[in-house]
Amino acid sequence: MPTGNEQLCRDYVDHMNELEPCLGLSYDAANFCMGADDQPVDLTSFYACLVSNTSCEGGTPTMTVDGCAPPVVTQVTPSAEPVSDPVR
């Protein structure tokens, strides 16, 4: 059974697939959510934003997901000693 980010992704896919008659598209959760649990960040707020900003109003799709930015992972590497050019 999926857990973590994959489950959140699958919940989003289920939401989108419920809107298929209005949106005219459907997703395959196994394909769309592949690797979601491998992400090093919690995607709860990202998927919640996508779901809450995607709907159908009387058969017309409403998608206002521009503000739904996925979390950014910052990698910090140890600083290297500065390299100086040899004097010629």
N, C-alpha and C. Protein backbone atom coordinates (compact mmCIF):
# COMPACT_ATOMS: atom_id res chain seq x y z
N MET A 1 0.85 -1.19 0.00
CA MET A 1 0.00 0.00 0.00
C MET A 1 0.88 1.24 0.00
N PRO A 2 0.60 2.22 -0.85
CA PRO A 2 1.41 3.43 -0.91
C PRO A 2 1.32 4.24 0.39
N THR A 3 2.38 4.92 0.71
CA THR A 3 2.39 5.78 1.88
C THR A 3 3.07 7.10 1.53
N GLY A 4 3.01 8.06 2.42
CA GLY A 4 3.73 9.32 2.24
C GLY A 4 3.33 10.08 1.00
N ASN A 5 4.36 10.60 0.30
CA ASN A 5 4.11 11.42 -0.88
C ASN A 5 3.38 10.66 -1.99
N GLU A 6 3.64 9.38 -2.10
CA GLU A 6 2.94 8.62 -3.15
C GLU A 6 1.45 8.60 -2.88
N GLN A 7 1.05 8.43 -1.63
CA GLN A 7 -0.38 8.42 -1.32
C GLN A 7 -0.99 9.79 -1.59
N LEU A 8 -0.29 10.85 -1.26
CA LEU A 8 -0.78 12.20 -1.55
C LEU A 8 -0.96 12.39 -3.06
N CYS A 9 -0.01 11.90 -3.83
CA CYS A 9 -0.09 11.98 -5.29
C CYS A 9 -1.29 11.18 -5.79
N ARG A 10 -1.48 9.99 -5.26
CA ARG A 10 -2.61 9.16 -5.68
C ARG A 10 -3.94 9.82 -5.33
N ASP A 11 -4.00 10.49 -4.18
CA ASP A 11 -5.21 11.23 -3.82
C ASP A 11 -5.47 12.36 -4.83
N TYR A 12 -4.42 13.03 -5.26
CA TYR A 12 -4.55 14.08 -6.27
C TYR A 12 -5.04 13.49 -7.59
N VAL A 13 -4.47 12.37 -8.00
CA VAL A 13 -4.89 11.70 -9.23
C VAL A 13 -6.36 11.31 -9.14
N ASP A 14 -6.78 10.77 -7.99
CA ASP A 14 -8.19 10.41 -7.81
C ASP A 14 -9.07 11.65 -7.98
N HIS A 15 -8.66 12.76 -7.38
CA HIS A 15 -9.42 14.02 -7.50
C HIS A 15 -9.53 14.43 -8.97
N MET A 16 -8.40 14.42 -9.66
CA MET A 16 -8.41 14.83 -11.07
C MET A 16 -9.26 13.89 -11.92
N ASN A 17 -9.19 12.60 -11.65
CA ASN A 17 -9.96 11.63 -12.42
C ASN A 17 -11.46 11.77 -12.16
N GLU A 18 -11.84 12.24 -10.98
CA GLU A 18 -13.26 12.53 -10.72
C GLU A 18 -13.74 13.69 -11.58
N LEU A 19 -12.82 14.56 -11.98
CA LEU A 19 -13.18 15.72 -12.81
C LEU A 19 -13.05 15.43 -14.30
N GLU A 20 -12.75 14.20 -14.65
CA GLU A 20 -12.51 13.81 -16.05
C GLU A 20 -13.64 14.22 -16.99
N PRO A 21 -14.92 14.07 -16.62
CA PRO A 21 -15.97 14.49 -17.55
C PRO A 21 -15.89 15.98 -17.91
N CYS A 22 -15.43 16.79 -16.99
CA CYS A 22 -15.32 18.23 -17.22
C CYS A 22 -13.98 18.60 -17.85
N LEU A 23 -12.90 18.01 -17.35
CA LEU A 23 -11.56 18.36 -17.82
C LEU A 23 -11.17 17.66 -19.11
N GLY A 24 -11.78 16.50 -19.36
CA GLY A 24 -11.47 15.77 -20.58
C GLY A 24 -10.12 15.07 -20.54
N LEU A 25 -9.63 14.79 -19.33
CA LEU A 25 -8.37 14.06 -19.22
C LEU A 25 -8.42 13.17 -17.99
N SER A 26 -7.58 12.15 -18.00
CA SER A 26 -7.46 11.29 -16.83
C SER A 26 -6.00 10.88 -16.69
N TYR A 27 -5.63 10.57 -15.47
CA TYR A 27 -4.26 10.20 -15.16
C TYR A 27 -4.18 8.74 -14.73
N ASP A 28 -3.05 8.13 -14.98
CA ASP A 28 -2.76 6.79 -14.48
C ASP A 28 -1.87 6.97 -13.25
N ALA A 29 -2.39 6.64 -12.07
CA ALA A 29 -1.67 6.89 -10.83
C ALA A 29 -0.32 6.17 -10.78
N ALA A 30 -0.26 4.95 -11.27
CA ALA A 30 1.00 4.20 -11.23
C ALA A 30 2.09 4.92 -12.00
N ASN A 31 1.72 5.51 -13.13
CA ASN A 31 2.69 6.23 -13.95
C ASN A 31 2.95 7.64 -13.39
N PHE A 32 1.89 8.37 -13.10
CA PHE A 32 1.99 9.76 -12.67
C PHE A 32 2.72 9.90 -11.34
N CYS A 33 2.52 8.95 -10.44
CA CYS A 33 3.07 9.05 -9.08
C CYS A 33 4.36 8.25 -8.90
N MET A 34 4.88 7.71 -9.97
CA MET A 34 6.11 6.92 -9.87
C MET A 34 7.24 7.78 -9.29
N GLY A 35 7.86 7.29 -8.24
CA GLY A 35 8.98 7.99 -7.62
C GLY A 35 8.59 9.06 -6.62
N ALA A 36 7.30 9.25 -6.37
CA ALA A 36 6.88 10.30 -5.44
C ALA A 36 7.44 10.07 -4.04
N ASP A 37 7.50 8.82 -3.61
CA ASP A 37 8.05 8.54 -2.28
C ASP A 37 9.56 8.72 -2.22
N ASP A 38 10.21 8.86 -3.36
CA ASP A 38 11.65 9.08 -3.38
C ASP A 38 12.01 10.55 -3.20
N GLN A 39 11.02 11.43 -3.20
CA GLN A 39 11.28 12.86 -3.05
C GLN A 39 11.69 13.14 -1.60
N PRO A 40 12.72 13.94 -1.39
CA PRO A 40 13.23 14.19 -0.04
C PRO A 40 12.45 15.24 0.75
N VAL A 41 11.34 15.73 0.21
CA VAL A 41 10.54 16.74 0.91
C VAL A 41 9.11 16.28 1.06
N ASP A 42 8.42 16.85 2.02
CA ASP A 42 7.00 16.57 2.27
C ASP A 42 6.18 17.38 1.27
N LEU A 43 5.40 16.70 0.46
CA LEU A 43 4.61 17.35 -0.59
C LEU A 43 3.16 17.58 -0.18
N THR A 44 2.84 17.47 1.11
CA THR A 44 1.47 17.62 1.59
C THR A 44 0.84 18.93 1.14
N SER A 45 1.50 20.06 1.41
CA SER A 45 0.89 21.35 1.07
C SER A 45 0.81 21.56 -0.45
N PHE A 46 1.75 21.02 -1.20
CA PHE A 46 1.73 21.14 -2.66
C PHE A 46 0.51 20.44 -3.24
N TYR A 47 0.31 19.17 -2.86
CA TYR A 47 -0.84 18.43 -3.40
C TYR A 47 -2.16 19.01 -2.88
N ALA A 48 -2.19 19.47 -1.63
CA ALA A 48 -3.41 20.10 -1.10
C ALA A 48 -3.76 21.34 -1.90
N CYS A 49 -2.76 22.11 -2.27
CA CYS A 49 -2.99 23.31 -3.08
C CYS A 49 -3.53 22.94 -4.46
N LEU A 50 -2.95 21.92 -5.09
CA LEU A 50 -3.42 21.49 -6.40
C LEU A 50 -4.89 21.06 -6.35
N VAL A 51 -5.23 20.27 -5.33
CA VAL A 51 -6.61 19.79 -5.20
C VAL A 51 -7.57 20.94 -4.94
N SER A 52 -7.21 21.84 -4.02
CA SER A 52 -8.14 22.91 -3.67
C SER A 52 -8.28 23.96 -4.78
N ASN A 53 -7.37 23.97 -5.75
CA ASN A 53 -7.43 24.95 -6.82
C ASN A 53 -7.78 24.35 -8.18
N THR A 54 -8.32 23.15 -8.16
CA THR A 54 -8.77 22.49 -9.39
C THR A 54 -10.18 21.97 -9.17
N SER A 55 -11.11 22.45 -9.97
CA SER A 55 -12.49 22.03 -9.82
C SER A 55 -13.23 22.23 -11.13
N CYS A 56 -14.49 21.89 -11.11
CA CYS A 56 -15.37 22.14 -12.24
C CYS A 56 -16.59 22.90 -11.73
N GLU A 57 -16.86 23.99 -12.37
CA GLU A 57 -18.01 24.82 -12.01
C GLU A 57 -19.04 24.71 -13.12
N GLY A 58 -20.09 23.92 -12.91
CA GLY A 58 -21.12 23.76 -13.92
C GLY A 58 -20.60 23.21 -15.23
N GLY A 59 -19.65 22.31 -15.17
CA GLY A 59 -19.10 21.72 -16.38
C GLY A 59 -17.93 22.50 -16.98
N THR A 60 -17.57 23.61 -16.36
CA THR A 60 -16.44 24.41 -16.83
C THR A 60 -15.25 24.20 -15.89
N PRO A 61 -14.10 23.79 -16.43
CA PRO A 61 -12.94 23.57 -15.57
C PRO A 61 -12.41 24.87 -14.97
N THR A 62 -12.04 24.79 -13.71
CA THR A 62 -11.40 25.91 -13.02
C THR A 62 -10.08 25.39 -12.48
N MET A 63 -8.99 25.93 -13.03
CA MET A 63 -7.66 25.52 -12.59
C MET A 63 -6.84 26.78 -12.31
N THR A 64 -6.65 27.06 -11.05
CA THR A 64 -5.85 28.21 -10.64
C THR A 64 -4.68 27.72 -9.79
N VAL A 65 -3.81 26.97 -10.43
CA VAL A 65 -2.72 26.31 -9.71
C VAL A 65 -1.38 27.04 -9.83
N ASP A 66 -1.38 28.22 -10.41
CA ASP A 66 -0.12 28.95 -10.57
C ASP A 66 0.59 29.20 -9.25
N GLY A 67 -0.16 29.36 -8.17
CA GLY A 67 0.44 29.61 -6.86
C GLY A 67 0.84 28.35 -6.12
N CYS A 68 0.69 27.19 -6.75
CA CYS A 68 1.02 25.92 -6.11
C CYS A 68 2.44 25.49 -6.49
N ALA A 69 3.39 26.06 -5.84
CA ALA A 69 4.79 25.76 -6.15
C ALA A 69 5.26 24.57 -5.30
N PRO A 70 5.90 23.60 -5.94
CA PRO A 70 6.43 22.49 -5.16
C PRO A 70 7.58 22.98 -4.28
N PRO A 71 7.81 22.30 -3.16
CA PRO A 71 8.93 22.69 -2.30
C PRO A 71 10.25 22.55 -3.06
N VAL A 72 11.19 23.37 -2.70
CA VAL A 72 12.50 23.35 -3.34
C VAL A 72 13.49 22.70 -2.38
N VAL A 73 14.29 21.83 -2.91
CA VAL A 73 15.33 21.18 -2.11
C VAL A 73 16.63 21.92 -2.36
N THR A 74 17.27 22.31 -1.29
CA THR A 74 18.56 22.99 -1.40
C THR A 74 19.64 22.04 -0.92
N GLN A 75 20.60 21.82 -1.76
CA GLN A 75 21.72 20.97 -1.36
C GLN A 75 22.89 21.87 -0.97
N VAL A 76 23.43 21.58 0.19
CA VAL A 76 24.57 22.34 0.67
C VAL A 76 25.79 21.45 0.57
N THR A 77 26.81 21.95 -0.08
CA THR A 77 28.05 21.20 -0.19
C THR A 77 29.13 21.94 0.59
N PRO A 78 30.05 21.20 1.14
CA PRO A 78 31.13 21.86 1.87
C PRO A 78 31.91 22.79 0.94
N SER A 79 32.29 23.90 1.47
CA SER A 79 33.05 24.83 0.63
C SER A 79 34.46 24.29 0.43
N ALA A 80 34.96 24.51 -0.73
CA ALA A 80 36.32 24.07 -1.05
C ALA A 80 37.30 25.20 -0.76
N GLU A 81 38.50 24.83 -0.54
CA GLU A 81 39.54 25.84 -0.35
C GLU A 81 39.67 26.62 -1.65
N PRO A 82 39.84 27.92 -1.55
CA PRO A 82 40.01 28.71 -2.79
C PRO A 82 41.27 28.27 -3.53
N VAL A 83 41.15 28.23 -4.81
CA VAL A 83 42.28 27.86 -5.65
C VAL A 83 42.88 29.14 -6.18
N SER A 84 44.16 29.30 -5.96
CA SER A 84 44.81 30.52 -6.48
C SER A 84 45.64 30.17 -7.69
N ASP A 85 45.75 31.11 -8.58
CA ASP A 85 46.57 30.93 -9.77
C ASP A 85 48.04 31.05 -9.35
N PRO A 86 48.89 30.14 -9.86
CA PRO A 86 50.31 30.26 -9.54
C PRO A 86 50.88 31.53 -10.18
N VAL A 87 51.79 32.12 -9.49
CA VAL A 87 52.46 33.32 -10.01
C VAL A 87 53.45 32.88 -11.10
N ARG A 88 53.43 33.57 -12.20
CA ARG A 88 54.31 33.18 -13.32
C ARG A 88 55.48 34.09 -13.40
